[in-house]
Amino acid sequence: MARRLTFVDQGYQLEVYTDSKLLDPETQAVFRERAATADIVYVEGVHSAEALGILAQATEKAPTFVAFDCAPALHALGRLGGLASVNPGPWQQLQARLSWTAAARAQELTRSIQTLWDRHSSDDLVSLLLVLVDAFVVKVPRLDSLRASGPLALARMITKCGPQIFACVNDPECKAALDCLQSCSPTDQVCSYRCIVSHESQLLEDFSLCILQKHNCLGKSADIPSLPDPPPMASHRGQPLTHDLAEALFIGWLGKEEWSWRVVAGQNAAYDQFPCQYQIFYRGKAKRSMWYDPVFQVRTVDGQVVWRRRHYRVRRAEVPGTFHFSVLDNGVISKEFWRIVDVPDDLSWALFAYSGAASAAGQVYTGAVLCTPDGAWPAPSQENRINIALRASGIEPWELFRVDNGCCQGMPLGVPEKDATSNPAEQSLMASCELLFAPTTSSRGGTSGLSAEPRS
């Protein structure tokens, strides 16, 4: 977690201590020194009476103290920005001591960080820590782009996109999507994307396309994160990796199967947890064009099971094994930078890492997917190599979510007959992305396809 915070900003420093280490005199002395000047103390899972006493005394000057799943005495120390909880407990409402505006903000903050902690993912823990830093230490630019917009933004929306707004709020499904999004904290990408995939409709796409993508009524912007930046694999089967060979690795098992790869596990809490994820990479009709269609199952907020499919343009980046992806997802363009981190000679698994941004929505993200031909976990003999690839991507193995591949029927697979985008608006928007993502180098040679060796 300390390393992942530095991916957001090199100036963020997190020091980690276990309760047992606090009992060591030398470590305890260092902890007391650090705690005396700490802006935030975050405590999780501490029940030791001895550690509790040390924490209570050493952190008394920290203005923000947050405890989860700890002894009640530690929860009683909870405070946000120097303001103690009204009563003992992990999170008590602070309205009694605050103005109405400040009370509403405190309530939203506590709800947000409680939700993030409840999901128990590494992504959510990083988000929780960033929310605390943003609220009580220094503004976090990554979160600043997600803040609520003012009345001028509303005026722009009505002026530029009145018909789309009217159509959406008068349609039950589109209105349900807006209500669902409104219930999410602005910084909660997991909640927001689940609302979007649960309530997809043409009206919602038209609404987002007009307000966010075409007119940027909310004034959002975001750039693809530069860290982590794992290197792509340098060679495969003893040959230097070329652009053609890298594309063939993406295409993988397509032909022998109806898909290129199936996702076994992923790291991003918002995008990699969906059940039954199929990856379909295929070449287009135009020279050197390539497409990527992920197909995945969604269990909607109201309990239904539906299938979703996306359509990405894929362009070569400068270094073989790196690619620029772009997609129009429910009216908003996302741009992503992918790396092929590792694929063994027999194509028994693959690790792809990515980082991306939906600029018009002000959102950035990173992640990785571990894939196999059949959705089964790789052989135990591959564990060490996979862990090395994960750590090279800034990911610990325990951060992965196991994908549920147990009930995958009726998936909309197949390679489209046309490799064009599906509607004129999308064609126009994606053409601009294609110009931005034009490859800077050309590489010929290598293979146009890749046959798989038998798997052990």
Protein backbone atom coordinates (compact mmCIF):
# COMPACT_ATOMS: atom_id res chain seq x y z
CA MET A 1 0.00 0.00 0.00
CA ALA A 2 2.89 2.35 0.74
CA ARG A 3 4.28 1.71 -2.73
CA ARG A 4 0.91 2.13 -4.41
CA LEU A 5 0.42 5.53 -2.78
CA THR A 6 3.68 6.68 -4.35
CA PHE A 7 2.27 5.69 -7.75
CA VAL A 8 -0.28 8.47 -7.19
CA ASP A 9 2.23 11.00 -5.83
CA GLN A 10 5.86 10.47 -4.85
CA GLY A 11 5.32 12.86 -1.92
CA TYR A 12 2.84 10.61 -0.11
CA GLN A 13 4.57 8.57 2.58
CA LEU A 14 3.04 5.65 4.43
CA GLU A 15 4.92 3.71 7.11
CA VAL A 16 3.55 0.33 8.14
CA TYR A 17 3.84 -1.31 11.57
CA THR A 18 2.34 -4.54 12.87
CA ASP A 19 1.03 -4.83 16.41
CA SER A 20 3.72 -7.39 17.26
CA LYS A 21 6.46 -5.06 15.97
CA LEU A 22 5.19 -2.31 18.26
CA LEU A 23 6.24 -4.46 21.21
CA ASP A 24 9.85 -4.46 20.03
CA PRO A 25 11.63 -1.61 21.90
CA GLU A 26 13.66 -0.45 18.92
CA THR A 27 10.71 -0.44 16.51
CA GLN A 28 8.49 1.14 19.13
CA ALA A 29 10.90 4.04 19.54
CA VAL A 30 10.86 4.69 15.78
CA PHE A 31 7.07 4.44 15.73
CA ARG A 32 6.65 6.94 18.54
CA GLU A 33 8.88 9.41 16.71
CA ARG A 34 6.98 9.03 13.44
CA ALA A 35 3.55 9.05 15.06
CA ALA A 36 4.27 12.34 16.82
CA THR A 37 4.25 14.13 13.46
CA ALA A 38 1.83 11.95 11.49
CA ASP A 39 -1.09 13.61 9.72
CA ILE A 40 -3.16 10.40 9.64
CA VAL A 41 -3.06 7.21 11.67
CA TYR A 42 -4.90 4.27 10.10
CA VAL A 43 -5.32 1.16 12.26
CA GLU A 44 -6.81 -2.16 11.20
CA GLY A 45 -7.30 -5.43 13.04
CA VAL A 46 -5.51 -4.51 16.28
CA HIS A 47 -6.88 -6.15 19.44
CA SER A 48 -3.75 -6.56 21.57
CA ALA A 49 -4.06 -4.68 24.86
CA GLU A 50 -0.34 -3.89 24.88
CA ALA A 51 -0.37 -2.54 21.34
CA LEU A 52 -3.54 -0.60 22.14
CA GLY A 53 -1.84 1.24 24.97
CA ILE A 54 1.15 2.16 22.84
CA LEU A 55 -1.09 3.39 20.01
CA ALA A 56 -3.27 5.49 22.30
CA GLN A 57 -0.31 7.26 23.82
CA ALA A 58 1.92 7.63 20.76
CA THR A 59 -0.76 8.91 18.37
CA GLU A 60 -2.56 11.37 20.61
CA LYS A 61 -1.27 14.34 18.57
CA ALA A 62 -2.37 12.94 15.20
CA PRO A 63 -5.35 15.03 14.02
CA THR A 64 -6.94 12.13 12.14
CA PHE A 65 -7.21 8.65 13.65
CA VAL A 66 -9.15 5.95 11.80
CA ALA A 67 -9.70 2.44 13.15
CA PHE A 68 -11.43 -0.56 11.56
CA ASP A 69 -12.07 -4.01 13.01
CA CYS A 70 -10.17 -3.15 16.19
CA ALA A 71 -10.71 -3.30 19.93
CA PRO A 72 -13.53 -0.91 21.05
CA ALA A 73 -11.03 1.26 22.93
CA LEU A 74 -9.26 2.06 19.65
CA HIS A 75 -12.52 2.96 17.91
CA ALA A 76 -13.20 5.35 20.76
CA LEU A 77 -10.09 7.30 19.73
CA GLY A 78 -11.55 7.96 16.27
CA ARG A 79 -11.26 11.54 15.06
CA LEU A 80 -11.34 13.38 11.76
CA GLY A 81 -9.27 16.52 11.38
CA GLY A 82 -8.93 16.93 15.12
CA LEU A 83 -12.65 16.54 15.84
CA ALA A 84 -13.34 13.56 18.10
CA SER A 85 -16.35 11.31 17.66
CA VAL A 86 -19.41 12.23 19.72
CA ASN A 87 -19.59 8.78 21.31
CA PRO A 88 -17.28 5.75 21.30
CA GLY A 89 -17.56 3.76 18.09
CA PRO A 90 -15.86 3.33 14.74
CA TRP A 91 -17.87 6.12 13.03
CA GLN A 92 -20.29 8.39 14.87
CA GLN A 93 -22.14 11.25 13.29
CA LEU A 94 -20.52 14.59 13.99
CA GLN A 95 -23.50 16.90 13.33
CA ALA A 96 -23.79 17.96 16.99
CA ARG A 97 -20.52 19.90 16.78
CA LEU A 98 -20.62 21.11 13.21
CA SER A 99 -22.49 23.58 11.05
CA TRP A 100 -25.09 22.11 8.68
CA THR A 101 -22.74 22.31 5.67
CA ALA A 102 -19.78 20.83 7.54
CA ALA A 103 -22.01 18.15 9.05
CA ALA A 104 -23.25 17.09 5.63
CA ARG A 105 -19.67 16.90 4.39
CA ALA A 106 -18.59 14.87 7.42
CA GLN A 107 -21.49 12.49 6.96
CA GLU A 108 -20.64 11.98 3.28
CA LEU A 109 -16.97 11.47 4.14
CA THR A 110 -17.66 8.84 6.79
CA ARG A 111 -20.13 7.05 4.51
CA SER A 112 -17.60 7.04 1.70
CA ILE A 113 -14.68 5.64 3.68
CA GLN A 114 -16.89 3.05 5.40
CA THR A 115 -18.08 1.82 1.99
CA LEU A 116 -14.52 1.64 0.70
CA TRP A 117 -13.36 -0.35 3.71
CA ASP A 118 -16.33 -2.74 3.60
CA ARG A 119 -15.37 -3.99 0.13
CA HIS A 120 -11.95 -5.19 1.36
CA SER A 121 -9.95 -4.65 -1.84
CA SER A 122 -6.51 -3.16 -2.29
CA ASP A 123 -7.91 -0.59 -4.75
CA ASP A 124 -10.51 0.51 -2.22
CA LEU A 125 -7.95 0.78 0.57
CA VAL A 126 -5.80 3.04 -1.60
CA SER A 127 -8.90 5.11 -2.38
CA LEU A 128 -9.77 5.29 1.33
CA LEU A 129 -6.31 6.58 2.21
CA LEU A 130 -6.43 9.11 -0.63
CA VAL A 131 -9.82 10.38 0.54
CA LEU A 132 -8.37 10.96 4.00
CA VAL A 133 -5.27 12.69 2.61
CA ASP A 134 -7.46 14.86 0.39
CA ALA A 135 -9.79 15.84 3.24
CA PHE A 136 -7.25 16.49 5.99
CA VAL A 137 -3.73 16.91 4.58
CA VAL A 138 -3.47 18.18 1.00
CA LYS A 139 -5.72 18.20 -2.02
CA VAL A 140 -5.24 15.14 -4.22
CA PRO A 141 -5.38 16.16 -7.90
CA ARG A 142 -6.70 12.73 -8.90
CA LEU A 143 -9.75 13.30 -6.68
CA ASP A 144 -10.07 16.99 -7.44
CA SER A 145 -11.35 16.22 -10.94
CA LEU A 146 -14.20 14.18 -9.43
CA ARG A 147 -15.63 16.88 -7.20
CA ALA A 148 -19.18 18.07 -7.70
CA SER A 149 -19.63 20.83 -10.25
CA GLY A 150 -21.36 24.13 -9.54
CA PRO A 151 -24.44 25.89 -10.95
CA LEU A 152 -22.62 26.99 -14.11
CA ALA A 153 -22.17 23.34 -15.06
CA LEU A 154 -25.90 22.74 -14.64
CA ALA A 155 -26.64 25.75 -16.85
CA ARG A 156 -24.31 24.40 -19.55
CA MET A 157 -25.97 20.98 -19.37
CA ILE A 158 -29.44 22.44 -19.88
CA THR A 159 -28.30 24.75 -22.68
CA LYS A 160 -26.26 22.19 -24.59
CA CYS A 161 -28.09 18.93 -23.84
CA GLY A 162 -31.68 19.77 -22.88
CA PRO A 163 -33.32 17.15 -25.15
CA GLN A 164 -31.01 14.38 -23.94
CA ILE A 165 -31.66 15.28 -20.30
CA PHE A 166 -35.43 15.38 -20.83
CA ALA A 167 -35.42 12.02 -22.61
CA CYS A 168 -33.32 10.36 -19.90
CA VAL A 169 -35.22 11.60 -16.85
CA ASN A 170 -38.52 10.58 -18.45
CA ASP A 171 -37.38 7.03 -19.18
CA PRO A 172 -37.57 4.62 -16.19
CA GLU A 173 -34.36 2.73 -17.02
CA CYS A 174 -32.29 5.83 -17.78
CA LYS A 175 -33.65 7.61 -14.71
CA ALA A 176 -32.75 4.56 -12.61
CA ALA A 177 -29.18 4.83 -13.88
CA LEU A 178 -28.98 8.49 -12.85
CA ASP A 179 -30.46 7.74 -9.42
CA CYS A 180 -28.00 4.89 -8.96
CA LEU A 181 -25.06 7.12 -9.92
CA GLN A 182 -26.30 9.82 -7.58
CA SER A 183 -26.15 7.35 -4.70
CA CYS A 184 -22.41 6.75 -5.29
CA SER A 185 -19.67 8.87 -3.81
CA PRO A 186 -17.98 10.88 -6.59
CA THR A 187 -14.72 9.07 -5.87
CA ASP A 188 -16.25 5.57 -5.92
CA GLN A 189 -15.52 4.10 -9.37
CA VAL A 190 -16.69 0.62 -8.33
CA CYS A 191 -20.15 1.87 -7.45
CA SER A 192 -20.39 4.16 -10.48
CA TYR A 193 -19.41 1.55 -13.04
CA ARG A 194 -21.73 -1.04 -11.55
CA CYS A 195 -24.60 1.45 -11.96
CA ILE A 196 -23.59 2.04 -15.59
CA VAL A 197 -23.34 -1.61 -16.61
CA SER A 198 -26.55 -2.42 -14.73
CA HIS A 199 -28.62 0.21 -16.56
CA GLU A 200 -27.08 0.44 -20.02
CA SER A 201 -29.38 1.99 -22.63
CA GLN A 202 -29.19 4.13 -25.73
CA LEU A 203 -30.73 7.05 -23.83
CA LEU A 204 -28.04 6.83 -21.13
CA GLU A 205 -25.35 6.74 -23.81
CA ASP A 206 -26.87 9.78 -25.55
CA PHE A 207 -27.05 11.60 -22.20
CA SER A 208 -23.38 10.92 -21.34
CA LEU A 209 -22.18 11.50 -24.89
CA CYS A 210 -23.69 14.98 -24.98
CA ILE A 211 -22.98 16.17 -21.45
CA LEU A 212 -19.58 14.63 -20.84
CA GLN A 213 -17.90 13.77 -24.11
CA LYS A 214 -19.13 16.31 -26.66
CA HIS A 215 -19.50 19.42 -24.50
CA ASN A 216 -17.61 18.52 -21.28
CA CYS A 217 -20.27 20.41 -19.33
CA LEU A 218 -18.71 19.38 -16.01
CA GLY A 219 -15.24 20.60 -16.96
CA LYS A 220 -13.53 17.31 -16.13
CA SER A 221 -10.12 16.15 -17.31
CA ALA A 222 -7.76 13.30 -16.52
CA ASP A 223 -4.56 11.79 -17.91
CA ILE A 224 -3.48 8.17 -18.03
CA PRO A 225 -1.38 7.41 -14.92
CA SER A 226 2.34 7.09 -15.62
CA LEU A 227 2.88 4.64 -12.73
CA PRO A 228 3.14 1.74 -12.36
CA ASP A 229 5.01 1.29 -15.61
CA PRO A 230 5.93 -2.40 -16.02
CA PRO A 231 8.16 -3.27 -18.96
CA PRO A 232 6.69 -5.53 -21.65
CA MET A 233 8.24 -8.92 -22.16
CA ALA A 234 11.32 -8.68 -24.37
CA SER A 235 11.19 -12.03 -26.18
CA HIS A 236 9.04 -15.08 -26.81
CA ARG A 237 10.18 -18.58 -27.75
CA GLY A 238 13.73 -17.31 -28.02
CA GLN A 239 12.88 -14.56 -30.50
CA PRO A 240 12.87 -10.81 -29.84
CA LEU A 241 9.36 -9.50 -29.42
CA THR A 242 8.09 -7.65 -32.48
CA HIS A 243 4.83 -5.77 -32.98
CA ASP A 244 3.43 -8.61 -35.11
CA LEU A 245 4.41 -11.23 -32.57
CA ALA A 246 2.92 -9.19 -29.74
CA GLU A 247 -0.37 -8.89 -31.62
CA ALA A 248 -0.32 -12.65 -32.20
CA LEU A 249 0.05 -13.14 -28.43
CA PHE A 250 -3.04 -11.00 -27.89
CA ILE A 251 -4.97 -13.03 -30.49
CA GLY A 252 -3.88 -16.12 -28.59
CA TRP A 253 -6.31 -19.03 -28.85
CA LEU A 254 -8.82 -17.45 -31.21
CA GLY A 255 -9.52 -19.94 -33.99
CA LYS A 256 -9.05 -22.98 -31.82
CA GLU A 257 -11.55 -21.38 -29.44
CA GLU A 258 -14.24 -18.76 -29.92
CA TRP A 259 -12.13 -16.41 -27.84
CA SER A 260 -8.52 -15.34 -27.46
CA TRP A 261 -8.29 -15.62 -23.68
CA ARG A 262 -10.49 -16.07 -20.62
CA VAL A 263 -9.78 -14.00 -17.52
CA VAL A 264 -8.97 -16.00 -14.40
CA ALA A 265 -8.22 -13.09 -12.07
CA GLY A 266 -7.90 -9.33 -12.18
CA GLN A 267 -6.61 -6.56 -9.98
CA ASN A 268 -8.91 -3.58 -10.58
CA ALA A 269 -11.89 -3.48 -8.22
CA ALA A 270 -14.14 -1.64 -10.69
CA TYR A 271 -13.44 -3.48 -13.95
CA ASP A 272 -11.85 -6.87 -13.26
CA GLN A 273 -14.38 -8.50 -10.91
CA PHE A 274 -17.12 -9.35 -13.39
CA PRO A 275 -17.92 -13.05 -13.89
CA CYS A 276 -17.24 -14.92 -17.13
CA GLN A 277 -14.83 -12.54 -18.87
CA TYR A 278 -13.92 -13.45 -22.45
CA GLN A 279 -11.27 -11.54 -24.43
CA ILE A 280 -11.50 -11.47 -28.22
CA PHE A 281 -8.58 -9.89 -30.11
CA TYR A 282 -8.71 -9.89 -33.90
CA ARG A 283 -7.18 -8.14 -36.88
CA GLY A 284 -9.25 -5.67 -38.91
CA LYS A 285 -9.60 -5.27 -42.65
CA ALA A 286 -7.38 -2.22 -42.81
CA LYS A 287 -3.63 -2.74 -42.83
CA ARG A 288 -2.25 -3.28 -39.31
CA SER A 289 -5.63 -2.55 -37.73
CA MET A 290 -6.62 -4.52 -34.66
CA TRP A 291 -9.66 -4.73 -32.41
CA TYR A 292 -10.42 -5.97 -28.93
CA ASP A 293 -13.89 -7.01 -27.78
CA PRO A 294 -14.21 -7.99 -24.11
CA VAL A 295 -17.40 -9.91 -23.29
CA PHE A 296 -18.42 -10.19 -19.65
CA GLN A 297 -21.34 -11.09 -17.44
CA VAL A 298 -22.94 -8.55 -15.11
CA ARG A 299 -25.09 -9.19 -12.07
CA THR A 300 -27.04 -5.97 -11.96
CA VAL A 301 -27.95 -3.95 -8.90
CA ASP A 302 -31.47 -5.41 -9.05
CA GLY A 303 -30.25 -9.02 -9.25
CA GLN A 304 -30.50 -9.76 -12.97
CA VAL A 305 -27.79 -11.52 -14.99
CA VAL A 306 -26.96 -9.85 -18.31
CA TRP A 307 -24.10 -9.89 -20.82
CA ARG A 308 -22.14 -6.83 -21.88
CA ARG A 309 -19.66 -6.32 -24.71
CA ARG A 310 -17.25 -3.49 -25.54
CA HIS A 311 -15.42 -2.64 -28.78
CA TYR A 312 -11.87 -1.23 -28.57
CA ARG A 313 -9.55 0.07 -31.23
CA VAL A 314 -6.00 -1.20 -30.69
CA ARG A 315 -2.92 0.65 -31.96
CA ARG A 316 0.74 -0.21 -31.62
CA ALA A 317 2.77 1.93 -29.26
CA GLU A 318 6.44 2.67 -29.81
CA VAL A 319 7.84 -0.36 -27.97
CA PRO A 320 6.78 -3.85 -29.12
CA GLY A 321 4.46 -5.37 -26.54
CA THR A 322 2.84 -2.02 -25.68
CA PHE A 323 -0.42 -0.78 -27.16
CA HIS A 324 -2.85 2.13 -27.13
CA PHE A 325 -6.50 1.13 -26.64
CA SER A 326 -9.56 3.36 -27.04
CA VAL A 327 -13.24 2.67 -26.49
CA LEU A 328 -16.54 4.53 -26.39
CA ASP A 329 -18.14 3.12 -23.24
CA ASN A 330 -21.70 4.32 -22.64
CA GLY A 331 -21.02 7.68 -24.26
CA VAL A 332 -17.59 8.34 -22.71
CA ILE A 333 -14.24 7.70 -24.40
CA SER A 334 -11.64 5.82 -22.38
CA LYS A 335 -8.02 5.69 -23.49
CA GLU A 336 -5.75 2.97 -22.16
CA PHE A 337 -2.11 1.92 -22.36
CA TRP A 338 -1.60 -1.87 -22.28
CA ARG A 339 1.52 -3.98 -21.81
CA ILE A 340 2.03 -7.67 -22.45
CA VAL A 341 3.95 -8.44 -19.26
CA ASP A 342 4.50 -12.17 -19.72
CA VAL A 343 3.24 -15.15 -21.75
CA PRO A 344 4.94 -18.57 -21.53
CA ASP A 345 5.91 -20.47 -24.69
CA ASP A 346 2.93 -22.83 -24.52
CA LEU A 347 0.40 -19.98 -24.14
CA SER A 348 -0.91 -21.61 -20.98
CA TRP A 349 -1.45 -18.17 -19.40
CA ALA A 350 -0.88 -14.49 -20.01
CA LEU A 351 -0.57 -11.39 -17.84
CA PHE A 352 -1.68 -8.09 -19.36
CA ALA A 353 -1.30 -4.83 -17.41
CA TYR A 354 -3.11 -1.61 -18.24
CA SER A 355 -3.58 1.99 -17.16
CA GLY A 356 -6.28 4.28 -18.44
CA ALA A 357 -8.33 7.44 -18.17
CA ALA A 358 -11.86 8.51 -19.01
CA SER A 359 -10.92 12.17 -19.31
CA ALA A 360 -14.42 13.57 -19.76
CA ALA A 361 -15.50 11.79 -16.57
CA GLY A 362 -12.35 12.81 -14.67
CA GLN A 363 -11.50 9.19 -13.87
CA VAL A 364 -8.18 7.33 -13.96
CA TYR A 365 -7.44 3.69 -13.25
CA THR A 366 -4.85 0.93 -13.44
CA GLY A 367 -5.13 -2.84 -13.36
CA ALA A 368 -4.03 -6.19 -14.74
CA VAL A 369 -5.67 -9.41 -15.88
CA LEU A 370 -4.34 -12.94 -15.59
CA CYS A 371 -5.70 -15.04 -18.45
CA THR A 372 -5.73 -18.68 -19.54
CA PRO A 373 -7.27 -20.49 -22.52
CA ASP A 374 -10.06 -22.12 -20.51
CA GLY A 375 -10.57 -19.89 -17.45
CA ALA A 376 -8.91 -22.41 -15.12
CA TRP A 377 -6.13 -21.36 -12.77
CA PRO A 378 -2.60 -21.95 -14.16
CA ALA A 379 -0.63 -24.96 -13.03
CA PRO A 380 1.08 -24.70 -9.61
CA SER A 381 4.44 -24.94 -11.36
CA GLN A 382 3.78 -21.49 -12.85
CA GLU A 383 3.14 -19.73 -9.54
CA ASN A 384 6.62 -18.28 -9.10
CA ARG A 385 6.79 -16.92 -12.67
CA ILE A 386 3.32 -15.38 -12.36
CA ASN A 387 4.21 -13.74 -9.05
CA ILE A 388 7.36 -12.25 -10.57
CA ALA A 389 5.29 -10.80 -13.43
CA LEU A 390 2.70 -9.42 -11.01
CA ARG A 391 5.30 -7.74 -8.81
CA ALA A 392 6.97 -6.26 -11.90
CA SER A 393 3.55 -4.68 -12.53
CA GLY A 394 3.39 -3.18 -9.03
CA ILE A 395 0.88 -5.81 -7.86
CA GLU A 396 1.07 -8.28 -5.01
CA PRO A 397 -0.55 -11.69 -5.70
CA TRP A 398 -3.07 -11.23 -2.86
CA GLU A 399 -4.51 -8.17 -4.63
CA LEU A 400 -6.07 -10.28 -7.39
CA PHE A 401 -9.80 -11.01 -7.55
CA ARG A 402 -10.69 -14.52 -8.66
CA VAL A 403 -13.18 -14.37 -11.53
CA ASP A 404 -16.28 -16.56 -11.22
CA ASN A 405 -16.25 -18.77 -14.33
CA GLY A 406 -18.74 -21.28 -12.95
CA CYS A 407 -21.89 -20.39 -14.88
CA CYS A 408 -21.14 -18.98 -18.32
CA GLN A 409 -23.88 -19.74 -20.84
CA GLY A 410 -25.27 -17.65 -23.67
CA MET A 411 -22.29 -15.33 -24.01
CA PRO A 412 -22.36 -13.14 -27.17
CA LEU A 413 -19.08 -14.26 -28.73
CA GLY A 414 -17.90 -14.17 -32.33
CA VAL A 415 -15.82 -11.78 -34.42
CA PRO A 416 -17.89 -9.01 -36.05
CA GLU A 417 -18.13 -9.14 -39.83
CA LYS A 418 -17.34 -5.43 -39.94
CA ASP A 419 -14.54 -3.89 -37.93
CA ALA A 420 -16.15 -0.43 -38.05
CA THR A 421 -17.70 1.14 -35.01
CA SER A 422 -21.42 0.81 -34.56
CA ASN A 423 -22.80 4.30 -35.14
CA PRO A 424 -21.81 7.60 -36.82
CA ALA A 425 -21.26 9.44 -33.54
CA GLU A 426 -18.91 6.72 -32.35
CA GLN A 427 -17.08 6.68 -35.69
CA SER A 428 -16.44 10.42 -35.50
CA LEU A 429 -15.28 10.37 -31.89
CA MET A 430 -13.10 7.31 -32.29
CA ALA A 431 -11.48 8.75 -35.40
CA SER A 432 -10.08 11.55 -33.25
CA CYS A 433 -8.70 8.94 -30.86
CA GLU A 434 -7.07 7.13 -33.76
CA LEU A 435 -5.18 10.31 -34.68
CA LEU A 436 -4.03 10.73 -31.09
CA PHE A 437 -2.91 7.11 -30.95
CA ALA A 438 -1.16 6.90 -34.32
CA PRO A 439 1.86 4.59 -33.86
CA THR A 440 5.20 6.37 -33.91
CA THR A 441 7.20 3.48 -35.32
CA SER A 442 6.69 0.73 -37.82
CA SER A 443 7.80 -2.84 -37.45
CA ARG A 444 7.57 -5.50 -40.14
CA GLY A 445 8.45 -9.12 -39.97
CA GLY A 446 7.67 -11.55 -37.20
CA THR A 447 4.60 -13.76 -37.46
CA SER A 448 1.07 -12.95 -38.51
CA GLY A 449 -0.30 -15.67 -36.27
CA LEU A 450 0.92 -17.85 -33.46
CA SER A 451 0.25 -21.53 -33.00
CA ALA A 452 0.10 -22.87 -29.50
CA GLU A 453 2.30 -25.68 -28.34
CA PRO A 454 0.52 -28.48 -26.44
CA ARG A 455 -0.06 -27.59 -22.82
CA SER A 456 1.19 -29.90 -20.13
